[in-house]
Amino acid sequence: MQKKQWLRKLVFSGILIAVYIILAKFLSFSTPYAKVNLSFLPIALSAMLFGPWWSMATAAVADIVGTCFFEGGYFPLFTIDAVLYALLFALFLYKKEQTITRIVLCVVLQTVLVSIPLTPLWICIMNQSFVSYIPALATKSVASLITAVIKIVVLIPTCKYLYPRLTQITGGR
């Protein structure tokens, strides 16, 4: 039975990685302040269904595969962001009641602890230009707030309607 459960997690994680890549690379659009996509959704579902370790691995693989196949080059520090997002989703939503308060708190912490401070820092390290950190921080703050609202609006119905059905399919929780 344990082997079957492991295989089910692996297959479903592969599907979530494929969905992540499609949402991030093909079904996204850019505004002057932010690139908007729903790529957080498969990672959130992985965290809700399978917990922190499995979702962090799923997020890392999705980030690496998506970057290597569809962008100019891979920068490992961005994978840290993906793993931290997965960890926070799991800490707040795995084996817990998925209330609006938990969802909002999770997204706010992702924004304040990861998105706003770390992403601009990684960009500055990648470009070797630390002078641009403050302007990048200001720009990323606006983008992160837009993204946070989108995450909250999408996650609430996902937790209410999609998650229970996926739990039945995957045997999660």
C-alpha atoms as a PDB file:
ATOM      1  CA  MET A   1       0.000   0.000   0.000  1.00  0.00           C
ATOM      2  CA  GLN A   2       2.826   2.393   0.848  1.00  0.00           C
ATOM      3  CA  LYS A   3       4.388   1.901  -2.608  1.00  0.00           C
ATOM      4  CA  LYS A   4       1.086   2.688  -4.321  1.00  0.00           C
ATOM      5  CA  GLN A   5       0.686   5.902  -2.304  1.00  0.00           C
ATOM      6  CA  TRP A   6       4.233   6.987  -3.154  1.00  0.00           C
ATOM      7  CA  LEU A   7       3.631   6.327  -6.851  1.00  0.00           C
ATOM      8  CA  ARG A   8       0.359   8.262  -6.737  1.00  0.00           C
ATOM      9  CA  LYS A   9       2.147  11.260  -5.169  1.00  0.00           C
ATOM     10  CA  LEU A  10       4.913  11.084  -7.760  1.00  0.00           C
ATOM     11  CA  VAL A  11       2.512  10.948 -10.708  1.00  0.00           C
ATOM     12  CA  PHE A  12       0.315  13.724  -9.364  1.00  0.00           C
ATOM     13  CA  SER A  13       3.385  15.867  -8.627  1.00  0.00           C
ATOM     14  CA  GLY A  14       4.471  15.394 -12.235  1.00  0.00           C
ATOM     15  CA  ILE A  15       1.065  16.600 -13.373  1.00  0.00           C
ATOM     16  CA  LEU A  16       1.319  19.617 -11.051  1.00  0.00           C
ATOM     17  CA  ILE A  17       4.784  20.422 -12.429  1.00  0.00           C
ATOM     18  CA  ALA A  18       3.393  20.329 -15.979  1.00  0.00           C
ATOM     19  CA  VAL A  19       0.495  22.585 -14.952  1.00  0.00           C
ATOM     20  CA  TYR A  20       2.972  24.943 -13.237  1.00  0.00           C
ATOM     21  CA  ILE A  21       5.013  25.257 -16.438  1.00  0.00           C
ATOM     22  CA  ILE A  22       1.922  25.853 -18.570  1.00  0.00           C
ATOM     23  CA  LEU A  23       0.586  28.506 -16.182  1.00  0.00           C
ATOM     24  CA  ALA A  24       3.961  30.226 -15.761  1.00  0.00           C
ATOM     25  CA  LYS A  25       5.201  30.166 -19.336  1.00  0.00           C
ATOM     26  CA  PHE A  26       2.156  30.096 -21.583  1.00  0.00           C
ATOM     27  CA  LEU A  27      -0.794  31.503 -19.641  1.00  0.00           C
ATOM     28  CA  SER A  28       0.719  34.627 -18.141  1.00  0.00           C
ATOM     29  CA  PHE A  29       0.715  38.298 -18.984  1.00  0.00           C
ATOM     30  CA  SER A  30       2.847  41.242 -18.025  1.00  0.00           C
ATOM     31  CA  THR A  31       1.829  44.611 -16.696  1.00  0.00           C
ATOM     32  CA  PRO A  32       4.193  47.544 -16.248  1.00  0.00           C
ATOM     33  CA  TYR A  33       4.702  46.456 -12.638  1.00  0.00           C
ATOM     34  CA  ALA A  34       4.318  42.695 -12.575  1.00  0.00           C
ATOM     35  CA  LYS A  35       4.175  39.467 -14.495  1.00  0.00           C
ATOM     36  CA  VAL A  36       0.827  37.954 -13.584  1.00  0.00           C
ATOM     37  CA  ASN A  37       0.240  34.211 -13.683  1.00  0.00           C
ATOM     38  CA  LEU A  38      -1.327  31.465 -11.651  1.00  0.00           C
ATOM     39  CA  SER A  39       1.781  29.306 -11.315  1.00  0.00           C
ATOM     40  CA  PHE A  40       1.475  29.441  -7.524  1.00  0.00           C
ATOM     41  CA  LEU A  41      -1.652  27.294  -7.703  1.00  0.00           C
ATOM     42  CA  PRO A  42      -0.051  23.886  -8.437  1.00  0.00           C
ATOM     43  CA  ILE A  43       2.528  24.514  -5.712  1.00  0.00           C
ATOM     44  CA  ALA A  44      -0.197  25.452  -3.227  1.00  0.00           C
ATOM     45  CA  LEU A  45      -2.140  22.313  -4.134  1.00  0.00           C
ATOM     46  CA  SER A  46       0.980  20.190  -3.711  1.00  0.00           C
ATOM     47  CA  ALA A  47       1.537  21.732  -0.281  1.00  0.00           C
ATOM     48  CA  MET A  48      -2.075  21.176   0.783  1.00  0.00           C
ATOM     49  CA  LEU A  49      -2.135  17.576  -0.440  1.00  0.00           C
ATOM     50  CA  PHE A  50       1.351  16.286   0.353  1.00  0.00           C
ATOM     51  CA  GLY A  51       2.960  18.517   2.974  1.00  0.00           C
ATOM     52  CA  PRO A  52       6.159  20.548   3.172  1.00  0.00           C
ATOM     53  CA  TRP A  53       8.881  18.179   1.967  1.00  0.00           C
ATOM     54  CA  TRP A  54       7.058  16.870  -1.053  1.00  0.00           C
ATOM     55  CA  SER A  55       5.781  20.325  -2.075  1.00  0.00           C
ATOM     56  CA  MET A  56       9.226  21.912  -1.677  1.00  0.00           C
ATOM     57  CA  ALA A  57      10.677  19.226  -3.956  1.00  0.00           C
ATOM     58  CA  THR A  58       7.836  19.764  -6.439  1.00  0.00           C
ATOM     59  CA  ALA A  59       8.416  23.531  -6.406  1.00  0.00           C
ATOM     60  CA  ALA A  60      12.166  23.132  -6.916  1.00  0.00           C
ATOM     61  CA  VAL A  61      11.759  20.715  -9.823  1.00  0.00           C
ATOM     62  CA  ALA A  62       9.057  22.882 -11.425  1.00  0.00           C
ATOM     63  CA  ASP A  63      11.244  25.981 -11.148  1.00  0.00           C
ATOM     64  CA  ILE A  64      14.352  24.275 -12.514  1.00  0.00           C
ATOM     65  CA  VAL A  65      12.594  22.502 -15.387  1.00  0.00           C
ATOM     66  CA  GLY A  66      10.567  25.579 -16.311  1.00  0.00           C
ATOM     67  CA  THR A  67      13.601  27.829 -16.296  1.00  0.00           C
ATOM     68  CA  CYS A  68      15.921  25.476 -18.144  1.00  0.00           C
ATOM     69  CA  PHE A  69      13.487  24.769 -20.959  1.00  0.00           C
ATOM     70  CA  PHE A  70      11.848  28.135 -21.453  1.00  0.00           C
ATOM     71  CA  GLU A  71      14.130  30.964 -20.351  1.00  0.00           C
ATOM     72  CA  GLY A  72      17.645  32.194 -20.995  1.00  0.00           C
ATOM     73  CA  GLY A  73      19.344  30.620 -18.028  1.00  0.00           C
ATOM     74  CA  TYR A  74      18.927  29.118 -14.627  1.00  0.00           C
ATOM     75  CA  PHE A  75      19.725  31.161 -11.521  1.00  0.00           C
ATOM     76  CA  PRO A  76      19.589  28.930  -8.415  1.00  0.00           C
ATOM     77  CA  LEU A  77      18.646  31.629  -5.919  1.00  0.00           C
ATOM     78  CA  PHE A  78      15.211  31.990  -7.530  1.00  0.00           C
ATOM     79  CA  THR A  79      14.611  28.332  -6.704  1.00  0.00           C
ATOM     80  CA  ILE A  80      14.992  29.275  -3.036  1.00  0.00           C
ATOM     81  CA  ASP A  81      11.984  31.581  -3.457  1.00  0.00           C
ATOM     82  CA  ALA A  82       9.938  28.758  -4.990  1.00  0.00           C
ATOM     83  CA  VAL A  83      10.869  26.386  -2.160  1.00  0.00           C
ATOM     84  CA  LEU A  84      10.043  28.990   0.503  1.00  0.00           C
ATOM     85  CA  TYR A  85       6.641  29.665  -1.078  1.00  0.00           C
ATOM     86  CA  ALA A  86       5.907  25.922  -0.975  1.00  0.00           C
ATOM     87  CA  LEU A  87       7.068  25.685   2.636  1.00  0.00           C
ATOM     88  CA  LEU A  88       4.804  28.540   3.730  1.00  0.00           C
ATOM     89  CA  PHE A  89       1.830  27.076   1.860  1.00  0.00           C
ATOM     90  CA  ALA A  90       2.423  23.746   3.619  1.00  0.00           C
ATOM     91  CA  LEU A  91       2.904  25.275   7.072  1.00  0.00           C
ATOM     92  CA  PHE A  92      -0.413  27.099   6.828  1.00  0.00           C
ATOM     93  CA  LEU A  93      -2.577  24.787   4.733  1.00  0.00           C
ATOM     94  CA  TYR A  94      -1.416  21.166   5.144  1.00  0.00           C
ATOM     95  CA  LYS A  95      -3.568  19.086   7.496  1.00  0.00           C
ATOM     96  CA  LYS A  96      -5.269  22.235   8.740  1.00  0.00           C
ATOM     97  CA  GLU A  97      -8.612  23.848   8.133  1.00  0.00           C
ATOM     98  CA  GLN A  98      -8.117  26.159   5.178  1.00  0.00           C
ATOM     99  CA  THR A  99      -9.803  29.292   6.432  1.00  0.00           C
ATOM    100  CA  ILE A 100      -9.707  32.703   4.829  1.00  0.00           C
ATOM    101  CA  THR A 101      -7.567  33.917   7.741  1.00  0.00           C
ATOM    102  CA  ARG A 102      -4.973  31.187   7.150  1.00  0.00           C
ATOM    103  CA  ILE A 103      -4.898  31.879   3.417  1.00  0.00           C
ATOM    104  CA  VAL A 104      -4.488  35.628   3.898  1.00  0.00           C
ATOM    105  CA  LEU A 105      -1.821  35.189   6.585  1.00  0.00           C
ATOM    106  CA  CYS A 106       0.094  32.724   4.408  1.00  0.00           C
ATOM    107  CA  VAL A 107       0.066  35.029   1.383  1.00  0.00           C
ATOM    108  CA  VAL A 108       0.988  38.087   3.466  1.00  0.00           C
ATOM    109  CA  LEU A 109       3.974  36.241   4.969  1.00  0.00           C
ATOM    110  CA  GLN A 110       5.057  35.046   1.518  1.00  0.00           C
ATOM    111  CA  THR A 111       4.918  38.622   0.303  1.00  0.00           C
ATOM    112  CA  VAL A 112       6.694  40.182   3.293  1.00  0.00           C
ATOM    113  CA  LEU A 113       9.322  37.479   3.909  1.00  0.00           C
ATOM    114  CA  VAL A 114      10.080  36.232   0.397  1.00  0.00           C
ATOM    115  CA  SER A 115       8.692  38.220  -2.493  1.00  0.00           C
ATOM    116  CA  ILE A 116       9.509  41.776  -1.449  1.00  0.00           C
ATOM    117  CA  PRO A 117      12.978  41.383   0.138  1.00  0.00           C
ATOM    118  CA  LEU A 118      14.487  38.331  -1.556  1.00  0.00           C
ATOM    119  CA  THR A 119      13.499  38.555  -5.224  1.00  0.00           C
ATOM    120  CA  PRO A 120      15.000  42.046  -5.715  1.00  0.00           C
ATOM    121  CA  LEU A 121      18.117  40.887  -3.860  1.00  0.00           C
ATOM    122  CA  TRP A 122      18.509  37.898  -6.208  1.00  0.00           C
ATOM    123  CA  ILE A 123      18.067  40.217  -9.201  1.00  0.00           C
ATOM    124  CA  CYS A 124      20.780  42.532  -7.876  1.00  0.00           C
ATOM    125  CA  ILE A 125      23.124  39.594  -7.234  1.00  0.00           C
ATOM    126  CA  MET A 126      22.421  38.199 -10.684  1.00  0.00           C
ATOM    127  CA  ASN A 127      23.076  41.568 -12.338  1.00  0.00           C
ATOM    128  CA  GLN A 128      25.971  42.376  -9.968  1.00  0.00           C
ATOM    129  CA  SER A 129      24.441  45.769  -9.302  1.00  0.00           C
ATOM    130  CA  PHE A 130      23.653  46.390  -5.647  1.00  0.00           C
ATOM    131  CA  VAL A 131      22.997  50.077  -6.302  1.00  0.00           C
ATOM    132  CA  SER A 132      19.702  49.071  -7.897  1.00  0.00           C
ATOM    133  CA  TYR A 133      18.391  47.197  -4.836  1.00  0.00           C
ATOM    134  CA  ILE A 134      16.243  50.044  -3.459  1.00  0.00           C
ATOM    135  CA  PRO A 135      14.587  50.868  -6.819  1.00  0.00           C
ATOM    136  CA  ALA A 136      14.067  47.141  -7.441  1.00  0.00           C
ATOM    137  CA  LEU A 137      12.608  46.796  -3.952  1.00  0.00           C
ATOM    138  CA  ALA A 138      10.137  49.610  -4.601  1.00  0.00           C
ATOM    139  CA  THR A 139       9.055  48.157  -7.935  1.00  0.00           C
ATOM    140  CA  LYS A 140       8.795  44.630  -6.551  1.00  0.00           C
ATOM    141  CA  SER A 141       6.709  45.866  -3.616  1.00  0.00           C
ATOM    142  CA  VAL A 142       4.014  47.131  -5.976  1.00  0.00           C
ATOM    143  CA  ALA A 143       4.157  43.934  -8.036  1.00  0.00           C
ATOM    144  CA  SER A 144       4.030  41.772  -4.914  1.00  0.00           C
ATOM    145  CA  LEU A 145       0.941  43.524  -3.588  1.00  0.00           C
ATOM    146  CA  ILE A 146      -0.864  42.971  -6.897  1.00  0.00           C
ATOM    147  CA  THR A 147       0.164  39.323  -6.896  1.00  0.00           C
ATOM    148  CA  ALA A 148      -0.851  38.855  -3.250  1.00  0.00           C
ATOM    149  CA  VAL A 149      -4.389  40.019  -3.948  1.00  0.00           C
ATOM    150  CA  ILE A 150      -4.626  37.662  -6.938  1.00  0.00           C
ATOM    151  CA  LYS A 151      -3.317  34.750  -4.845  1.00  0.00           C
ATOM    152  CA  ILE A 152      -5.883  35.345  -2.109  1.00  0.00           C
ATOM    153  CA  VAL A 153      -8.774  35.695  -4.554  1.00  0.00           C
ATOM    154  CA  VAL A 154      -7.802  32.465  -6.360  1.00  0.00           C
ATOM    155  CA  LEU A 155      -6.858  30.388  -3.306  1.00  0.00           C
ATOM    156  CA  ILE A 156     -10.118  30.887  -1.410  1.00  0.00           C
ATOM    157  CA  PRO A 157     -12.342  29.082  -3.961  1.00  0.00           C
ATOM    158  CA  THR A 158      -9.554  26.594  -4.710  1.00  0.00           C
ATOM    159  CA  CYS A 159      -9.435  25.531  -1.067  1.00  0.00           C
ATOM    160  CA  LYS A 160     -13.203  25.365  -0.856  1.00  0.00           C
ATOM    161  CA  TYR A 161     -14.054  23.558  -4.107  1.00  0.00           C
ATOM    162  CA  LEU A 162     -11.021  22.025  -5.839  1.00  0.00           C
ATOM    163  CA  TYR A 163      -8.970  20.788  -2.895  1.00  0.00           C
ATOM    164  CA  PRO A 164     -11.625  18.391  -1.490  1.00  0.00           C
ATOM    165  CA  ARG A 165     -12.008  16.707  -4.881  1.00  0.00           C
ATOM    166  CA  LEU A 166      -8.258  16.382  -5.375  1.00  0.00           C
ATOM    167  CA  THR A 167      -7.936  14.854  -1.914  1.00  0.00           C
ATOM    168  CA  GLN A 168     -10.273  12.066  -2.998  1.00  0.00           C
ATOM    169  CA  ILE A 169      -8.309  11.453  -6.213  1.00  0.00           C
ATOM    170  CA  THR A 170      -4.823  11.528  -4.730  1.00  0.00           C
ATOM    171  CA  GLY A 171      -5.512  10.027  -1.349  1.00  0.00           C
ATOM    172  CA  GLY A 172      -3.900  13.131   0.193  1.00  0.00           C
ATOM    173  CA  ARG A 173      -4.168  13.889   3.907  1.00  0.00           C
END
